[in-house]
N, C-alpha and C. Protein backbone atom coordinates (compact mmCIF):
# COMPACT_ATOMS: atom_id res chain seq x y z
N MET A 1 -5.35 -15.28 -1.25
CA MET A 1 -5.45 -14.14 -2.13
C MET A 1 -4.05 -13.65 -2.49
N LYS A 2 -3.87 -13.34 -3.76
CA LYS A 2 -2.61 -12.77 -4.23
C LYS A 2 -2.97 -11.50 -4.99
N LYS A 3 -2.60 -10.38 -4.37
CA LYS A 3 -3.03 -9.09 -4.94
C LYS A 3 -1.97 -8.04 -4.70
N VAL A 4 -1.90 -7.09 -5.62
CA VAL A 4 -0.99 -5.95 -5.49
C VAL A 4 -1.79 -4.68 -5.70
N TYR A 5 -1.67 -3.77 -4.75
CA TYR A 5 -2.25 -2.43 -4.87
C TYR A 5 -1.08 -1.52 -5.23
N TYR A 6 -1.20 -0.82 -6.34
CA TYR A 6 -0.09 -0.03 -6.84
C TYR A 6 -0.60 1.12 -7.70
N LEU A 7 0.34 1.93 -8.17
CA LEU A 7 0.02 2.97 -9.15
C LEU A 7 0.76 2.63 -10.44
N LYS A 8 0.02 2.52 -11.53
CA LYS A 8 0.70 2.18 -12.79
C LYS A 8 1.52 3.34 -13.33
N THR A 9 1.33 4.53 -12.79
CA THR A 9 2.12 5.69 -13.20
C THR A 9 3.36 5.88 -12.33
N CYS A 10 3.54 5.00 -11.35
CA CYS A 10 4.68 5.10 -10.43
C CYS A 10 5.80 4.19 -10.91
N SER A 11 6.91 4.78 -11.30
CA SER A 11 8.02 3.98 -11.83
C SER A 11 8.59 3.04 -10.76
N THR A 12 8.56 3.45 -9.51
CA THR A 12 9.06 2.59 -8.43
C THR A 12 8.18 1.35 -8.29
N CYS A 13 6.87 1.53 -8.30
CA CYS A 13 5.95 0.39 -8.23
C CYS A 13 6.19 -0.57 -9.40
N ILE A 14 6.30 -0.02 -10.60
CA ILE A 14 6.50 -0.84 -11.80
C ILE A 14 7.81 -1.60 -11.71
N ARG A 15 8.87 -0.94 -11.26
CA ARG A 15 10.17 -1.59 -11.12
C ARG A 15 10.10 -2.75 -10.14
N ILE A 16 9.42 -2.53 -9.01
CA ILE A 16 9.29 -3.59 -7.99
C ILE A 16 8.48 -4.76 -8.55
N LEU A 17 7.39 -4.48 -9.24
CA LEU A 17 6.58 -5.55 -9.83
C LEU A 17 7.41 -6.37 -10.82
N LYS A 18 8.18 -5.67 -11.64
CA LYS A 18 9.01 -6.36 -12.62
C LYS A 18 10.10 -7.17 -11.93
N ASP A 19 10.70 -6.58 -10.91
CA ASP A 19 11.77 -7.23 -10.16
C ASP A 19 11.27 -8.50 -9.47
N LEU A 20 10.06 -8.44 -8.93
CA LEU A 20 9.49 -9.59 -8.23
C LEU A 20 8.77 -10.55 -9.18
N ASN A 21 8.57 -10.12 -10.43
CA ASN A 21 7.90 -10.93 -11.44
C ASN A 21 6.51 -11.38 -10.96
N LEU A 22 5.71 -10.43 -10.51
CA LEU A 22 4.42 -10.75 -9.92
C LEU A 22 3.24 -10.69 -10.87
N SER A 23 3.38 -10.02 -11.97
CA SER A 23 2.22 -9.69 -12.78
C SER A 23 1.40 -10.89 -13.23
N SER A 24 1.99 -12.04 -13.45
CA SER A 24 1.21 -13.18 -13.94
C SER A 24 0.48 -13.93 -12.83
N ASN A 25 1.02 -13.96 -11.63
CA ASN A 25 0.42 -14.72 -10.52
C ASN A 25 -0.52 -13.89 -9.66
N PHE A 26 -0.47 -12.59 -9.79
CA PHE A 26 -1.19 -11.70 -8.88
C PHE A 26 -2.22 -10.86 -9.61
N THR A 27 -3.28 -10.52 -8.89
CA THR A 27 -4.25 -9.56 -9.40
C THR A 27 -3.70 -8.17 -9.09
N LEU A 28 -3.63 -7.33 -10.10
CA LEU A 28 -3.11 -5.98 -9.92
C LEU A 28 -4.26 -4.99 -9.88
N GLN A 29 -4.21 -4.07 -8.91
CA GLN A 29 -5.22 -3.03 -8.81
C GLN A 29 -4.54 -1.67 -8.79
N ASP A 30 -4.75 -0.91 -9.85
CA ASP A 30 -4.24 0.45 -9.92
C ASP A 30 -5.16 1.32 -9.06
N ILE A 31 -4.64 1.76 -7.93
CA ILE A 31 -5.48 2.46 -6.94
C ILE A 31 -5.92 3.85 -7.40
N LYS A 32 -5.33 4.34 -8.46
CA LYS A 32 -5.75 5.64 -8.98
C LYS A 32 -7.02 5.51 -9.83
N THR A 33 -7.14 4.42 -10.56
CA THR A 33 -8.29 4.23 -11.43
C THR A 33 -9.37 3.36 -10.80
N GLU A 34 -8.99 2.53 -9.84
CA GLU A 34 -9.95 1.67 -9.14
C GLU A 34 -9.76 1.89 -7.64
N ASN A 35 -10.64 2.68 -7.06
CA ASN A 35 -10.51 3.04 -5.65
C ASN A 35 -10.48 1.82 -4.73
N ILE A 36 -9.78 1.98 -3.62
CA ILE A 36 -9.75 0.94 -2.60
C ILE A 36 -11.09 0.96 -1.88
N THR A 37 -11.65 -0.21 -1.67
CA THR A 37 -12.92 -0.29 -0.95
C THR A 37 -12.65 -0.38 0.55
N THR A 38 -13.67 -0.10 1.32
CA THR A 38 -13.55 -0.21 2.78
C THR A 38 -13.18 -1.64 3.17
N THR A 39 -13.79 -2.61 2.54
CA THR A 39 -13.51 -4.03 2.84
C THR A 39 -12.06 -4.37 2.51
N GLN A 40 -11.56 -3.91 1.37
CA GLN A 40 -10.17 -4.17 1.01
C GLN A 40 -9.22 -3.56 2.03
N LEU A 41 -9.51 -2.33 2.44
CA LEU A 41 -8.65 -1.67 3.42
C LEU A 41 -8.70 -2.38 4.77
N GLU A 42 -9.88 -2.81 5.16
CA GLU A 42 -10.01 -3.54 6.43
C GLU A 42 -9.24 -4.86 6.38
N ASP A 43 -9.28 -5.54 5.24
CA ASP A 43 -8.50 -6.78 5.07
C ASP A 43 -7.01 -6.50 5.18
N MET A 44 -6.55 -5.40 4.57
CA MET A 44 -5.14 -5.02 4.66
C MET A 44 -4.76 -4.73 6.11
N LYS A 45 -5.65 -4.04 6.82
CA LYS A 45 -5.38 -3.67 8.21
C LYS A 45 -5.21 -4.91 9.09
N VAL A 46 -6.02 -5.94 8.85
CA VAL A 46 -5.90 -7.18 9.63
C VAL A 46 -4.49 -7.75 9.47
N LEU A 47 -3.98 -7.77 8.24
CA LEU A 47 -2.64 -8.31 7.99
C LEU A 47 -1.54 -7.37 8.48
N ALA A 48 -1.76 -6.06 8.33
CA ALA A 48 -0.74 -5.07 8.69
C ALA A 48 -0.70 -4.76 10.18
N GLY A 49 -1.83 -4.93 10.86
CA GLY A 49 -1.89 -4.63 12.29
C GLY A 49 -2.48 -3.27 12.61
N SER A 50 -2.41 -2.34 11.67
CA SER A 50 -2.98 -1.01 11.91
C SER A 50 -3.13 -0.28 10.58
N TYR A 51 -3.98 0.74 10.60
CA TYR A 51 -4.11 1.60 9.42
C TYR A 51 -2.88 2.48 9.29
N GLU A 52 -2.30 2.84 10.41
CA GLU A 52 -1.10 3.69 10.37
C GLU A 52 0.03 3.01 9.61
N ALA A 53 0.15 1.68 9.73
CA ALA A 53 1.20 0.95 9.01
C ALA A 53 1.01 1.04 7.49
N LEU A 54 -0.21 1.29 7.06
CA LEU A 54 -0.53 1.40 5.63
C LEU A 54 -0.47 2.84 5.13
N PHE A 55 -0.31 3.77 6.04
CA PHE A 55 -0.42 5.20 5.73
C PHE A 55 0.90 5.78 5.23
N ASN A 56 0.83 6.52 4.14
CA ASN A 56 2.01 7.13 3.53
C ASN A 56 2.23 8.54 4.09
N LYS A 57 3.19 8.65 4.99
CA LYS A 57 3.49 9.96 5.59
C LYS A 57 4.42 10.80 4.73
N ARG A 58 4.82 10.25 3.59
CA ARG A 58 5.67 11.02 2.68
C ARG A 58 4.88 11.61 1.52
N ALA A 59 3.59 11.43 1.54
CA ALA A 59 2.74 11.96 0.47
C ALA A 59 2.75 13.48 0.47
N LYS A 60 2.72 14.04 -0.71
CA LYS A 60 2.69 15.50 -0.85
C LYS A 60 1.48 16.09 -0.12
N LEU A 61 0.35 15.43 -0.22
CA LEU A 61 -0.88 15.89 0.42
C LEU A 61 -0.77 15.87 1.95
N TYR A 62 0.01 14.94 2.48
CA TYR A 62 0.24 14.86 3.92
C TYR A 62 0.90 16.16 4.41
N LYS A 63 1.86 16.62 3.63
CA LYS A 63 2.56 17.86 3.98
C LYS A 63 1.66 19.08 3.76
N GLU A 64 0.93 19.07 2.65
CA GLU A 64 0.04 20.21 2.34
C GLU A 64 -1.05 20.40 3.39
N LEU A 65 -1.56 19.30 3.92
CA LEU A 65 -2.61 19.38 4.94
C LEU A 65 -2.04 19.52 6.35
N ASP A 66 -0.71 19.55 6.44
CA ASP A 66 -0.01 19.70 7.72
C ASP A 66 -0.46 18.63 8.74
N LEU A 67 -0.61 17.41 8.26
CA LEU A 67 -1.09 16.33 9.12
C LEU A 67 -0.06 15.93 10.18
N LYS A 68 1.20 16.26 9.93
CA LYS A 68 2.26 15.94 10.89
C LYS A 68 1.99 16.60 12.23
N ASN A 69 1.37 17.76 12.20
CA ASN A 69 1.12 18.52 13.41
C ASN A 69 -0.29 18.34 13.97
N LYS A 70 -0.98 17.32 13.47
CA LYS A 70 -2.33 17.02 13.97
C LYS A 70 -2.32 15.64 14.62
N PRO A 71 -3.01 15.51 15.73
CA PRO A 71 -3.08 14.18 16.36
C PRO A 71 -4.02 13.26 15.57
N LEU A 72 -3.44 12.24 14.92
CA LEU A 72 -4.24 11.33 14.12
C LEU A 72 -4.44 10.01 14.85
N GLU A 73 -5.64 9.48 14.75
CA GLU A 73 -5.96 8.19 15.36
C GLU A 73 -6.22 7.19 14.23
N GLU A 74 -6.39 5.93 14.58
CA GLU A 74 -6.58 4.87 13.60
C GLU A 74 -7.68 5.19 12.59
N ASN A 75 -8.82 5.66 13.07
CA ASN A 75 -9.92 5.97 12.14
C ASN A 75 -9.58 7.12 11.20
N ASP A 76 -8.74 8.05 11.68
CA ASP A 76 -8.29 9.14 10.81
C ASP A 76 -7.45 8.59 9.65
N TYR A 77 -6.52 7.69 9.98
CA TYR A 77 -5.68 7.08 8.94
C TYR A 77 -6.56 6.35 7.92
N LYS A 78 -7.52 5.59 8.41
CA LYS A 78 -8.44 4.85 7.55
C LYS A 78 -9.19 5.82 6.63
N ASP A 79 -9.77 6.86 7.21
CA ASP A 79 -10.55 7.82 6.43
C ASP A 79 -9.71 8.51 5.35
N TYR A 80 -8.48 8.92 5.71
CA TYR A 80 -7.62 9.58 4.73
C TYR A 80 -7.25 8.64 3.58
N ILE A 81 -6.96 7.37 3.90
CA ILE A 81 -6.61 6.41 2.86
C ILE A 81 -7.80 6.19 1.92
N LEU A 82 -8.98 6.09 2.48
CA LEU A 82 -10.17 5.90 1.65
C LEU A 82 -10.52 7.15 0.85
N GLU A 83 -10.18 8.30 1.39
CA GLU A 83 -10.49 9.58 0.74
C GLU A 83 -9.61 9.82 -0.48
N HIS A 84 -8.32 9.48 -0.37
CA HIS A 84 -7.40 9.76 -1.48
C HIS A 84 -6.32 8.69 -1.57
N TYR A 85 -6.14 8.15 -2.77
CA TYR A 85 -5.21 7.04 -2.99
C TYR A 85 -3.77 7.35 -2.57
N THR A 86 -3.39 8.60 -2.61
CA THR A 86 -2.01 8.95 -2.30
C THR A 86 -1.60 8.62 -0.87
N PHE A 87 -2.58 8.45 0.00
CA PHE A 87 -2.28 8.16 1.40
C PHE A 87 -1.98 6.68 1.67
N LEU A 88 -2.13 5.82 0.68
CA LEU A 88 -1.77 4.42 0.85
C LEU A 88 -0.30 4.25 0.47
N LYS A 89 0.47 3.72 1.41
CA LYS A 89 1.87 3.41 1.13
C LYS A 89 1.88 2.36 0.04
N ARG A 90 2.74 2.50 -0.97
CA ARG A 90 2.69 1.56 -2.07
C ARG A 90 4.06 1.11 -2.53
N PRO A 91 4.07 -0.04 -3.17
CA PRO A 91 2.96 -0.94 -3.39
C PRO A 91 2.60 -1.72 -2.12
N VAL A 92 1.40 -2.25 -2.09
CA VAL A 92 0.98 -3.18 -1.05
C VAL A 92 0.82 -4.53 -1.75
N ILE A 93 1.61 -5.49 -1.31
CA ILE A 93 1.59 -6.82 -1.90
C ILE A 93 1.03 -7.79 -0.87
N ILE A 94 -0.03 -8.49 -1.25
CA ILE A 94 -0.64 -9.47 -0.36
C ILE A 94 -0.50 -10.84 -1.00
N ALA A 95 0.10 -11.75 -0.26
CA ALA A 95 0.23 -13.14 -0.71
C ALA A 95 -0.30 -14.02 0.41
N ASP A 96 -1.54 -14.43 0.25
CA ASP A 96 -2.23 -15.25 1.25
C ASP A 96 -2.26 -14.53 2.59
N ASP A 97 -1.49 -14.97 3.58
CA ASP A 97 -1.54 -14.34 4.90
C ASP A 97 -0.35 -13.41 5.16
N CYS A 98 0.39 -13.07 4.12
CA CYS A 98 1.54 -12.16 4.25
C CYS A 98 1.24 -10.85 3.54
N ILE A 99 1.74 -9.76 4.13
CA ILE A 99 1.58 -8.45 3.51
C ILE A 99 2.92 -7.74 3.50
N PHE A 100 3.21 -7.09 2.40
CA PHE A 100 4.44 -6.30 2.24
C PHE A 100 4.00 -4.90 1.84
N ILE A 101 4.40 -3.92 2.64
CA ILE A 101 3.90 -2.56 2.47
C ILE A 101 5.06 -1.61 2.16
N GLY A 102 4.97 -0.93 1.04
CA GLY A 102 5.94 0.10 0.73
C GLY A 102 7.06 -0.37 -0.16
N ASN A 103 8.02 0.52 -0.37
CA ASN A 103 9.07 0.26 -1.34
C ASN A 103 10.48 0.29 -0.75
N SER A 104 10.58 0.17 0.57
CA SER A 104 11.92 0.17 1.17
C SER A 104 12.66 -1.10 0.75
N LYS A 105 13.97 -1.03 0.70
CA LYS A 105 14.78 -2.18 0.31
C LYS A 105 14.49 -3.39 1.19
N LYS A 106 14.32 -3.14 2.48
CA LYS A 106 14.05 -4.22 3.43
C LYS A 106 12.75 -4.94 3.09
N VAL A 107 11.71 -4.20 2.79
CA VAL A 107 10.40 -4.77 2.46
C VAL A 107 10.48 -5.54 1.14
N VAL A 108 11.12 -4.96 0.13
CA VAL A 108 11.22 -5.60 -1.17
C VAL A 108 12.03 -6.90 -1.06
N GLU A 109 13.10 -6.87 -0.30
CA GLU A 109 13.91 -8.08 -0.11
C GLU A 109 13.11 -9.16 0.61
N ALA A 110 12.36 -8.78 1.62
CA ALA A 110 11.53 -9.75 2.34
C ALA A 110 10.48 -10.36 1.40
N ALA A 111 9.90 -9.55 0.54
CA ALA A 111 8.93 -10.04 -0.44
C ALA A 111 9.59 -11.00 -1.40
N LYS A 112 10.80 -10.66 -1.84
CA LYS A 112 11.55 -11.53 -2.77
C LYS A 112 11.76 -12.91 -2.16
N VAL A 113 12.20 -12.92 -0.91
CA VAL A 113 12.48 -14.18 -0.23
C VAL A 113 11.20 -15.01 -0.09
N LYS A 114 10.14 -14.37 0.35
CA LYS A 114 8.88 -15.07 0.61
C LYS A 114 8.21 -15.55 -0.68
N LEU A 115 8.29 -14.76 -1.73
CA LEU A 115 7.54 -15.04 -2.95
C LEU A 115 8.32 -15.83 -4.00
N SER A 116 9.58 -16.07 -3.74
CA SER A 116 10.36 -16.81 -4.76
C SER A 116 10.27 -18.30 -4.60
């Protein structure tokens, strides 16, 4: 499977997609208009190792709900991601058995190396 979960309104996601030249080889899913399914999230979790690894702790909603001061468990991370797209760290790039999560330079460089 070759898939990217992203936001088409996010300039960082668009820049990374363009930089990696993924649009022709990958299925793109705009998570704002097409919600992530439980099965998709579970598949991501298998590759990522945990729901927490997929969870965006920099989301505005994370701060608004004061989640930093609440004890969250794996199922909580899963539920929040399924509840609102903003809680998924993005982009999430899946290439067969590899997953790249987020937009840090380290992650993008690793994706470049693996996908080129």
